[in-house]
Amino acid sequence: MASVVMCTNGNKGTGDREMTSERLAATRVVEQHNASDIVGVTDVVFLAHPDGGLEDTELFRSQVTREIRRFKPDLILAVDPYRSTSHTHRDHRKSGQAAIDAAFTYAWSYQHFPEQITAEGLEPHRVEQALLWGGEDPDVFVDIGTYLDVKVDSLGAHASQMSSDREVRLERVTNNSGRHKEATGLDHAEAFRRITFNLGSLEWQLLHR
């Protein structure tokens, strides 16, 4: 089972001056559902923070923590928030940091956001690891050679954001996924940086008593 948590509503992501923020946000919801169906995602959650306005607040951290406790993932995937020679969208950085913090600091502890446990019936959950994409120093590479068409079609479902020309999308995906061939021997790979949380280790438990 795969679940996706969308942190923002994407209501500013357009150069079309005729497009309203409200209409774009509604369009992005439909597009995300369509894209998720293509790749087999079973649940899509929309937190609906404004595009460009994602902040590291207690509310946002509690929302991400809630979804971890609700879906109980062993593995989470998020944008790598740390870069030194390049830059990325501030919402992407904020979402990546919140996901890591929710997994490592909050989701496992009864003491954080206890109302989720007492009032909502959720339970603490320990995430085993995170794979972060878009970073500068990946150390995990996943062969996606048999999934290129799925990725291209899923991207195409985001019609308000992507080229309508499938060949253009295919070329882009093929080129990007081939960047690590010399190092990995894989023709097409997704690259990630792995974080292992070790929340259940004896050493970790002794340090956090």
Protein backbone atom coordinates (compact mmCIF):
# COMPACT_ATOMS: atom_id res chain seq x y z
CA MET A 1 0.00 0.00 0.00
CA ALA A 2 1.28 3.46 -0.90
CA SER A 3 -0.04 6.76 0.43
CA VAL A 4 0.75 10.33 -0.56
CA VAL A 5 0.46 13.43 1.62
CA MET A 6 0.22 16.64 -0.39
CA CYS A 7 1.29 19.53 1.82
CA THR A 8 0.27 22.49 -0.35
CA ASN A 9 -2.58 23.10 -2.78
CA GLY A 10 -0.41 24.32 -5.67
CA ASN A 11 -2.60 27.38 -6.18
CA LYS A 12 0.24 29.62 -7.37
CA GLY A 13 2.00 27.28 -9.79
CA THR A 14 1.10 28.85 -13.12
CA GLY A 15 2.18 31.55 -15.53
CA ASP A 16 -1.34 31.82 -16.96
CA ARG A 17 -2.78 35.20 -15.93
CA GLU A 18 -6.28 34.02 -16.77
CA MET A 19 -6.09 31.19 -14.23
CA THR A 20 -7.43 31.93 -10.75
CA SER A 21 -5.83 30.48 -7.63
CA GLU A 22 -9.09 28.78 -6.66
CA ARG A 23 -9.52 27.10 -10.04
CA LEU A 24 -5.90 26.01 -10.15
CA ALA A 25 -6.10 24.46 -6.66
CA ALA A 26 -9.19 22.48 -7.68
CA THR A 27 -7.47 21.39 -10.90
CA ARG A 28 -4.40 20.20 -9.02
CA VAL A 29 -6.56 17.98 -6.77
CA VAL A 30 -8.02 16.20 -9.79
CA GLU A 31 -4.61 15.89 -11.43
CA GLN A 32 -3.05 14.44 -8.30
CA HIS A 33 -5.78 11.81 -7.99
CA ASN A 34 -5.30 10.87 -11.66
CA ALA A 35 -1.52 10.67 -11.35
CA SER A 36 -1.77 8.64 -8.15
CA ASP A 37 -4.14 6.15 -9.78
CA ILE A 38 -1.60 5.52 -12.53
CA VAL A 39 1.19 4.58 -10.11
CA GLY A 40 -1.05 2.62 -7.74
CA VAL A 41 -1.29 4.99 -4.79
CA THR A 42 -4.17 3.94 -2.54
CA ASP A 43 -4.63 7.09 -0.44
CA VAL A 44 -4.07 10.77 -1.19
CA VAL A 45 -4.23 13.32 1.64
CA PHE A 46 -4.47 17.05 0.93
CA LEU A 47 -3.30 19.31 3.74
CA ALA A 48 -4.02 22.32 1.48
CA HIS A 49 -1.52 24.84 2.79
CA PRO A 50 -1.15 27.76 0.34
CA ASP A 51 1.49 27.45 -2.36
CA GLY A 52 4.63 29.27 -1.22
CA GLY A 53 3.23 29.62 2.30
CA LEU A 54 4.27 26.37 3.96
CA GLU A 55 5.69 27.09 7.40
CA ASP A 56 7.31 24.95 10.08
CA THR A 57 4.47 25.42 12.54
CA GLU A 58 3.09 23.21 15.30
CA LEU A 59 -0.03 22.73 13.19
CA PHE A 60 1.91 21.49 10.17
CA ARG A 61 4.11 19.19 12.25
CA SER A 62 1.04 17.74 13.94
CA GLN A 63 -0.63 17.13 10.57
CA VAL A 64 2.35 15.20 9.21
CA THR A 65 2.68 13.29 12.48
CA ARG A 66 -1.01 12.34 12.28
CA GLU A 67 -0.60 10.83 8.82
CA ILE A 68 2.43 8.81 9.92
CA ARG A 69 0.47 7.46 12.87
CA ARG A 70 -2.53 6.79 10.66
CA PHE A 71 -0.78 4.97 7.80
CA LYS A 72 2.06 3.46 9.89
CA PRO A 73 4.72 3.38 7.14
CA ASP A 74 8.01 1.56 7.54
CA LEU A 75 9.46 3.86 4.87
CA ILE A 76 8.75 7.48 4.06
CA LEU A 77 9.83 9.37 0.95
CA ALA A 78 10.35 13.13 0.89
CA VAL A 79 12.34 15.89 -0.72
CA ASP A 80 15.88 16.20 0.62
CA PRO A 81 15.81 19.58 2.39
CA TYR A 82 19.59 19.99 2.48
CA ARG A 83 21.58 21.40 -0.43
CA SER A 84 24.82 23.36 -0.59
CA THR A 85 25.43 24.05 -4.29
CA SER A 86 21.89 24.28 -5.63
CA HIS A 87 18.46 25.43 -4.55
CA THR A 88 14.87 24.21 -4.53
CA HIS A 89 11.37 25.50 -3.81
CA ARG A 90 10.92 26.60 -0.19
CA ASP A 91 7.77 24.47 0.19
CA HIS A 92 9.75 21.42 -0.86
CA ARG A 93 12.42 22.14 1.75
CA LYS A 94 9.83 22.73 4.47
CA SER A 95 7.93 19.54 3.62
CA GLY A 96 11.08 17.42 3.63
CA GLN A 97 12.22 18.75 6.98
CA ALA A 98 8.77 18.31 8.53
CA ALA A 99 8.58 14.70 7.32
CA ILE A 100 11.97 13.86 8.85
CA ASP A 101 11.12 15.65 12.11
CA ALA A 102 7.71 14.00 12.37
CA ALA A 103 9.24 10.56 11.93
CA PHE A 104 12.26 11.02 14.20
CA THR A 105 10.94 13.34 16.90
CA TYR A 106 7.17 13.19 17.15
CA ALA A 107 5.34 10.17 15.75
CA TRP A 108 6.81 7.54 18.10
CA SER A 109 6.19 9.43 21.35
CA TYR A 110 2.98 9.44 23.40
CA GLN A 111 4.00 12.86 24.71
CA HIS A 112 3.80 14.64 21.37
CA PHE A 113 0.33 15.55 20.11
CA PRO A 114 -1.31 13.25 22.69
CA GLU A 115 -4.80 14.30 21.57
CA GLN A 116 -4.25 12.21 18.45
CA ILE A 117 -4.01 9.20 20.72
CA THR A 118 -6.63 10.00 23.36
CA ALA A 119 -9.25 11.63 21.13
CA GLU A 120 -8.60 10.15 17.67
CA GLY A 121 -7.64 6.60 18.58
CA LEU A 122 -4.26 6.68 16.85
CA GLU A 123 -1.13 5.04 18.23
CA PRO A 124 2.53 6.09 18.24
CA HIS A 125 4.51 4.70 15.32
CA ARG A 126 8.21 4.24 14.62
CA VAL A 127 9.32 4.77 11.03
CA GLU A 128 12.32 2.65 10.07
CA GLN A 129 13.86 4.82 7.35
CA ALA A 130 13.44 7.68 4.92
CA LEU A 131 14.50 7.96 1.30
CA LEU A 132 15.05 11.57 0.27
CA TRP A 133 14.98 12.55 -3.39
CA GLY A 134 16.44 15.57 -5.14
CA GLY A 135 19.57 15.75 -3.00
CA GLU A 136 23.15 16.31 -4.05
CA ASP A 137 24.67 13.19 -2.47
CA PRO A 138 22.43 10.16 -3.12
CA ASP A 139 23.50 6.79 -1.79
CA VAL A 140 20.57 4.58 -2.83
CA PHE A 141 19.68 3.87 -6.46
CA VAL A 142 16.52 2.07 -7.56
CA ASP A 143 16.22 0.51 -11.02
CA ILE A 144 13.16 2.02 -12.76
CA GLY A 145 13.85 0.67 -16.24
CA THR A 146 10.53 -1.18 -16.41
CA TYR A 147 8.58 1.79 -15.02
CA LEU A 148 9.56 4.58 -17.42
CA ASP A 149 6.21 4.56 -19.21
CA VAL A 150 4.33 4.61 -15.92
CA LYS A 151 6.34 7.60 -14.72
CA VAL A 152 5.86 9.45 -18.00
CA ASP A 153 2.10 8.87 -17.94
CA SER A 154 1.83 9.83 -14.28
CA LEU A 155 3.65 13.09 -14.94
CA GLY A 156 1.36 13.70 -17.91
CA ALA A 157 -1.65 13.56 -15.57
CA HIS A 158 -0.38 16.86 -14.12
CA ALA A 159 -1.55 18.63 -17.27
CA SER A 160 -1.44 22.12 -15.73
CA GLN A 161 2.26 21.66 -14.93
CA MET A 162 3.73 19.41 -17.60
CA SER A 163 4.20 19.40 -21.35
CA SER A 164 1.32 17.77 -23.21
CA ASP A 165 3.84 16.20 -25.59
CA ARG A 166 4.51 12.67 -24.34
CA GLU A 167 7.73 12.36 -26.33
CA VAL A 168 9.10 15.46 -24.61
CA ARG A 169 8.27 13.99 -21.20
CA LEU A 170 9.77 10.63 -22.14
CA GLU A 171 13.01 12.25 -23.28
CA ARG A 172 13.23 14.24 -20.05
CA VAL A 173 12.58 11.19 -17.84
CA THR A 174 15.01 9.06 -19.85
CA ASN A 175 17.80 11.65 -19.62
CA ASN A 176 17.28 12.34 -15.91
CA SER A 177 17.13 8.68 -14.95
CA GLY A 178 20.28 7.92 -16.90
CA ARG A 179 22.54 10.34 -15.04
CA HIS A 180 23.89 7.72 -12.65
CA LYS A 181 24.56 4.96 -15.17
CA GLU A 182 28.36 5.22 -14.96
CA ALA A 183 28.33 4.93 -11.17
CA THR A 184 25.60 2.30 -10.81
CA GLY A 185 25.51 0.30 -14.03
CA LEU A 186 21.77 0.96 -14.23
CA ASP A 187 20.38 2.43 -17.42
CA HIS A 188 17.56 4.14 -15.55
CA ALA A 189 17.54 4.81 -11.83
CA GLU A 190 15.89 6.96 -9.19
CA ALA A 191 18.42 8.34 -6.71
CA PHE A 192 17.84 8.86 -2.99
CA ARG A 193 19.70 9.66 0.21
CA ARG A 194 18.82 7.18 2.94
CA ILE A 195 18.24 8.05 6.59
CA THR A 196 17.90 5.13 9.01
CA PHE A 197 16.19 6.28 12.19
CA ASN A 198 17.09 3.37 14.52
CA LEU A 199 14.26 4.36 16.84
CA GLY A 200 13.95 0.87 18.29
CA SER A 201 17.64 0.29 18.98
CA LEU A 202 18.86 -0.32 22.52
CA GLU A 203 21.40 2.51 22.20
CA TRP A 204 18.68 4.96 21.13
CA GLN A 205 16.39 3.91 23.98
CA LEU A 206 19.16 4.40 26.56
CA LEU A 207 19.97 7.86 25.20
CA HIS A 208 16.34 8.97 25.34
CA ARG A 209 15.32 7.73 28.77
